[in-house]
N, C-alpha and C. Protein backbone atom coordinates (compact mmCIF):
# COMPACT_ATOMS: atom_id res chain seq x y z
N MET A 1 3.39 -2.68 22.09
CA MET A 1 3.56 -2.92 20.21
C MET A 1 2.25 -2.11 19.79
N PRO A 2 2.34 -1.35 18.50
CA PRO A 2 1.06 -0.88 18.04
C PRO A 2 0.41 -2.07 17.17
N VAL A 3 -0.86 -1.51 16.83
CA VAL A 3 -1.86 -2.58 16.46
C VAL A 3 -1.14 -2.47 14.72
N ARG A 4 -0.99 -3.80 14.17
CA ARG A 4 -0.55 -3.61 12.39
C ARG A 4 -1.83 -3.79 11.68
N VAL A 5 -1.57 -2.99 10.85
CA VAL A 5 -2.73 -2.86 9.68
C VAL A 5 -2.06 -3.05 8.37
N VAL A 6 -2.61 -3.35 7.30
CA VAL A 6 -2.38 -3.51 6.06
C VAL A 6 -3.25 -2.47 5.00
N LEU A 7 -2.32 -1.86 4.64
CA LEU A 7 -2.96 -0.67 3.72
C LEU A 7 -2.94 -0.85 2.46
N ASP A 8 -4.49 -0.83 2.00
CA ASP A 8 -4.42 -1.57 0.38
C ASP A 8 -4.51 -0.23 -0.54
N ALA A 9 -4.61 -0.39 -1.54
CA ALA A 9 -4.76 0.42 -2.54
C ALA A 9 -5.77 1.54 -2.61
N THR A 10 -6.84 1.12 -1.88
CA THR A 10 -7.89 1.86 -2.09
C THR A 10 -7.43 3.47 -0.95
N VAL A 11 -6.64 3.04 0.22
CA VAL A 11 -6.10 3.91 1.18
C VAL A 11 -4.60 4.43 -0.26
N LEU A 12 -4.02 3.66 -0.35
CA LEU A 12 -2.56 4.40 -0.76
C LEU A 12 -2.64 5.30 -2.28
N ALA A 13 -3.42 4.83 -2.85
CA ALA A 13 -3.68 5.52 -4.08
C ALA A 13 -4.43 6.96 -3.57
N ARG A 14 -4.87 6.87 -2.86
CA ARG A 14 -5.66 8.25 -2.81
C ARG A 14 -4.70 9.56 -1.85
N PRO A 15 -4.38 10.54 -2.50
CA PRO A 15 -3.39 11.45 -1.48
C PRO A 15 -3.95 12.09 -0.38
N ARG A 16 -5.41 12.25 -0.17
CA ARG A 16 -5.52 12.97 1.39
C ARG A 16 -5.37 11.88 2.13
N LEU A 17 -6.33 10.46 1.68
CA LEU A 17 -6.64 9.45 2.67
C LEU A 17 -4.95 8.83 2.96
N ARG A 18 -4.25 8.64 1.91
CA ARG A 18 -2.74 8.19 2.45
C ARG A 18 -2.13 9.21 3.28
N ASP A 19 -1.87 10.65 3.17
CA ASP A 19 -1.65 11.52 3.96
C ASP A 19 -1.78 10.98 5.45
N VAL A 20 -3.38 11.25 5.38
CA VAL A 20 -4.10 11.15 6.78
C VAL A 20 -3.32 9.87 7.49
N ALA A 21 -3.68 8.95 6.75
CA ALA A 21 -3.57 7.25 7.22
C ALA A 21 -2.01 7.22 7.74
N LEU A 22 -0.76 7.73 7.21
CA LEU A 22 0.58 7.69 7.13
C LEU A 22 1.07 8.15 8.31
N ALA A 23 0.09 9.58 8.45
CA ALA A 23 0.33 10.56 9.54
C ALA A 23 0.06 9.93 10.73
N LEU A 24 -1.10 9.13 10.96
CA LEU A 24 -1.42 8.79 12.05
C LEU A 24 -0.40 7.35 12.47
N THR A 25 0.33 6.88 11.68
CA THR A 25 1.46 6.08 12.07
C THR A 25 2.26 6.51 12.40
N GLU A 26 3.13 7.96 12.12
CA GLU A 26 3.84 8.46 12.64
C GLU A 26 3.80 8.81 13.93
N ASP A 27 2.49 9.15 14.31
CA ASP A 27 2.20 9.05 15.75
C ASP A 27 2.26 7.90 16.79
N GLY A 28 2.06 6.97 16.10
CA GLY A 28 2.81 5.29 16.64
C GLY A 28 1.02 4.91 16.97
N LEU A 29 0.04 5.33 16.04
CA LEU A 29 -0.81 4.58 16.32
C LEU A 29 -1.07 3.30 15.95
N TYR A 30 -0.49 3.05 14.70
CA TYR A 30 -0.24 1.64 14.46
C TYR A 30 0.73 1.63 13.37
N GLN A 31 0.93 0.25 13.07
CA GLN A 31 2.34 0.06 12.07
C GLN A 31 1.36 -0.43 10.48
N PRO A 32 2.06 0.20 9.79
CA PRO A 32 1.55 0.09 8.59
C PRO A 32 2.28 -1.06 7.64
N PHE A 33 1.35 -1.66 6.90
CA PHE A 33 2.31 -3.01 5.78
C PHE A 33 1.29 -2.55 4.52
N TRP A 34 2.21 -3.10 3.62
CA TRP A 34 1.54 -3.19 2.35
C TRP A 34 2.45 -4.53 1.43
N SER A 35 2.27 -4.61 0.40
CA SER A 35 3.18 -5.79 -0.23
C SER A 35 3.24 -5.60 -1.64
N ASP A 36 4.17 -5.97 -2.41
CA ASP A 36 4.56 -5.78 -4.12
C ASP A 36 2.80 -5.56 -4.90
N GLY A 37 2.36 -6.69 -4.39
CA GLY A 37 0.85 -6.55 -4.83
C GLY A 37 0.04 -5.25 -4.75
N ILE A 38 -0.06 -4.86 -3.98
CA ILE A 38 -0.53 -4.05 -3.18
C ILE A 38 -0.12 -2.61 -4.24
N ILE A 39 1.15 -2.41 -3.94
CA ILE A 39 1.65 -1.25 -4.78
C ILE A 39 1.52 -1.48 -6.42
N ALA A 40 1.54 -2.91 -6.72
CA ALA A 40 1.05 -2.60 -8.39
C ALA A 40 -0.09 -2.29 -8.25
N GLU A 41 -1.09 -2.42 -7.63
CA GLU A 41 -2.75 -1.99 -7.35
C GLU A 41 -2.68 -0.91 -7.46
N VAL A 42 -1.98 -0.27 -6.47
CA VAL A 42 -1.98 1.30 -6.30
C VAL A 42 -1.28 2.08 -7.87
N ASP A 43 -0.05 1.33 -8.31
CA ASP A 43 -0.15 1.98 -9.52
C ASP A 43 -1.01 1.62 -10.83
N ARG A 44 -1.70 0.86 -10.58
CA ARG A 44 -2.80 0.96 -11.82
C ARG A 44 -3.86 1.99 -11.13
N ARG A 45 -4.07 2.13 -10.37
CA ARG A 45 -5.20 3.05 -9.93
C ARG A 45 -4.57 4.46 -9.50
N LEU A 46 -3.49 4.77 -9.71
CA LEU A 46 -3.17 6.63 -10.20
C LEU A 46 -3.66 7.00 -11.05
N PRO A 47 -3.87 8.46 -11.02
CA PRO A 47 -4.06 9.02 -12.60
C PRO A 47 -3.20 8.75 -13.38
N GLN A 48 -3.80 8.54 -14.94
CA GLN A 48 -2.74 8.10 -16.02
C GLN A 48 -1.95 9.36 -15.94
N GLU A 49 -2.24 10.88 -15.48
CA GLU A 49 -1.54 11.76 -15.87
C GLU A 49 -0.34 11.93 -15.11
N LEU A 50 -0.06 10.93 -13.91
CA LEU A 50 0.89 11.30 -13.21
C LEU A 50 1.99 10.23 -13.76
N LEU A 51 2.92 11.10 -14.41
CA LEU A 51 4.26 10.24 -15.02
C LEU A 51 4.82 9.33 -14.15
N ARG A 52 5.51 8.20 -15.01
CA ARG A 52 6.36 7.25 -14.09
C ARG A 52 7.38 7.86 -13.25
N PRO A 53 8.24 8.82 -13.61
CA PRO A 53 9.11 9.24 -12.43
C PRO A 53 8.11 9.89 -11.13
N ALA A 54 7.19 10.64 -11.17
CA ALA A 54 6.04 10.78 -9.96
C ALA A 54 6.05 9.43 -9.31
N ARG A 55 5.42 8.59 -10.43
CA ARG A 55 4.91 7.34 -9.28
C ARG A 55 6.19 6.58 -8.98
N ASP A 56 7.33 6.68 -9.53
CA ASP A 56 8.39 5.97 -8.76
C ASP A 56 8.89 6.43 -7.55
N PHE A 57 8.69 7.63 -7.55
CA PHE A 57 9.39 8.80 -6.70
C PHE A 57 8.25 8.38 -5.54
N LEU A 58 7.10 8.21 -5.49
CA LEU A 58 6.18 7.81 -4.44
C LEU A 58 6.41 7.06 -3.76
N PHE A 59 6.55 5.82 -4.60
CA PHE A 59 6.89 4.58 -4.10
C PHE A 59 7.78 4.62 -3.26
N ALA A 60 9.12 5.05 -3.97
CA ALA A 60 10.27 5.22 -3.24
C ALA A 60 10.17 5.87 -1.98
N GLU A 61 9.64 6.98 -1.70
CA GLU A 61 9.30 7.43 -0.56
C GLU A 61 8.42 6.77 0.54
N LEU A 62 7.55 6.02 -0.12
CA LEU A 62 7.00 5.35 0.80
C LEU A 62 7.96 4.16 1.34
N ASP A 63 8.82 3.51 0.59
CA ASP A 63 9.62 2.63 1.32
C ASP A 63 10.72 3.32 2.41
N ARG A 64 11.53 4.57 2.00
CA ARG A 64 11.96 5.03 2.66
C ARG A 64 11.55 5.44 3.92
N ALA A 65 10.01 6.19 4.00
CA ALA A 65 9.56 6.54 5.47
C ALA A 65 9.20 5.55 5.94
N PHE A 66 8.98 4.01 5.45
CA PHE A 66 8.47 3.07 6.20
C PHE A 66 9.50 1.87 5.81
N PRO A 67 10.28 1.57 5.92
CA PRO A 67 11.04 0.59 5.70
C PRO A 67 10.96 -0.64 5.70
N ASP A 68 9.47 -1.04 6.82
CA ASP A 68 9.50 -2.47 7.64
C ASP A 68 8.06 -2.82 6.62
N ALA A 69 7.59 -1.60 6.16
CA ALA A 69 6.03 -1.72 5.73
C ALA A 69 6.06 -2.93 4.67
N ARG A 70 6.67 -2.96 3.83
CA ARG A 70 6.72 -3.61 2.57
C ARG A 70 6.95 -5.24 2.95
N VAL A 71 5.74 -5.91 2.72
CA VAL A 71 6.05 -7.61 3.46
C VAL A 71 5.91 -8.59 2.01
N VAL A 72 6.18 -9.92 2.36
CA VAL A 72 6.15 -10.78 1.35
C VAL A 72 4.95 -11.37 1.97
N TRP A 73 3.76 -11.61 1.18
CA TRP A 73 2.51 -12.63 1.82
C TRP A 73 3.12 -13.94 1.81
N PRO A 74 2.76 -14.83 2.99
CA PRO A 74 3.00 -16.19 2.92
C PRO A 74 2.32 -17.09 1.67
N THR A 75 2.78 -17.77 0.99
CA THR A 75 2.05 -18.67 -0.25
C THR A 75 0.63 -18.81 0.23
N THR A 76 0.60 -19.61 1.39
CA THR A 76 -0.74 -20.20 1.82
C THR A 76 -1.42 -19.23 1.67
N VAL A 77 -1.21 -17.78 1.98
CA VAL A 77 -2.13 -16.76 2.19
C VAL A 77 -2.24 -16.19 0.52
N LEU A 78 -1.32 -16.04 0.20
CA LEU A 78 -2.05 -16.27 -1.60
C LEU A 78 -3.18 -17.11 -2.25
N ARG A 79 -2.82 -18.28 -1.55
CA ARG A 79 -3.74 -19.38 -2.07
C ARG A 79 -5.09 -19.19 -1.73
N GLU A 80 -5.17 -18.73 -0.17
CA GLU A 80 -6.51 -18.69 0.39
C GLU A 80 -7.07 -17.58 0.53
N VAL A 81 -6.46 -16.83 0.07
CA VAL A 81 -7.42 -15.34 0.09
C VAL A 81 -7.11 -14.90 -1.24
N PRO A 82 -8.32 -15.09 -2.06
CA PRO A 82 -7.78 -14.40 -3.13
C PRO A 82 -7.70 -12.98 -3.89
N HIS A 83 -8.18 -12.54 -3.20
CA HIS A 83 -8.40 -11.05 -3.55
C HIS A 83 -6.70 -10.58 -3.05
N VAL A 84 -6.16 -11.30 -2.63
CA VAL A 84 -4.67 -10.97 -1.95
C VAL A 84 -3.70 -11.44 -3.10
N ALA A 85 -3.90 -12.35 -3.99
CA ALA A 85 -3.69 -12.48 -5.09
C ALA A 85 -3.67 -11.64 -6.29
N GLY A 86 -4.26 -11.26 -6.74
CA GLY A 86 -4.85 -10.18 -8.00
C GLY A 86 -5.59 -9.30 -7.42
N PRO A 87 -6.00 -8.00 -8.33
CA PRO A 87 -6.70 -6.96 -7.88
C PRO A 87 -8.21 -7.14 -7.74
N ARG A 88 -8.87 -6.53 -6.82
CA ARG A 88 -9.99 -6.82 -6.82
C ARG A 88 -11.06 -6.37 -8.34
N ARG A 89 -12.30 -7.07 -8.34
CA ARG A 89 -12.82 -6.63 -9.48
C ARG A 89 -13.99 -5.76 -9.24
N HIS A 90 -14.30 -4.55 -8.86
CA HIS A 90 -15.56 -3.81 -8.87
C HIS A 90 -16.36 -3.84 -9.95
N THR A 91 -17.23 -3.94 -9.47
CA THR A 91 -18.95 -4.18 -10.73
C THR A 91 -19.47 -2.63 -10.25
């Protein structure tokens, strides 16, 4: 069984980093996971010039290529780990 890894918005919002990270999953090095909250954060971090149809296509392709990657965080995790429940605030 491969290592399980949560890919956050920092990885998924950057095209080159996303491509490399996901290529490594296709080689079987690890199993990727992300949540609706992470995808929402990716959506906020993508360039404003990227139109909604392109964003929706990206998210649909992630779901198509990695159908088991999207997970629902248990409620206890959302309560105990603040940055999982909402976007991180960078200063």
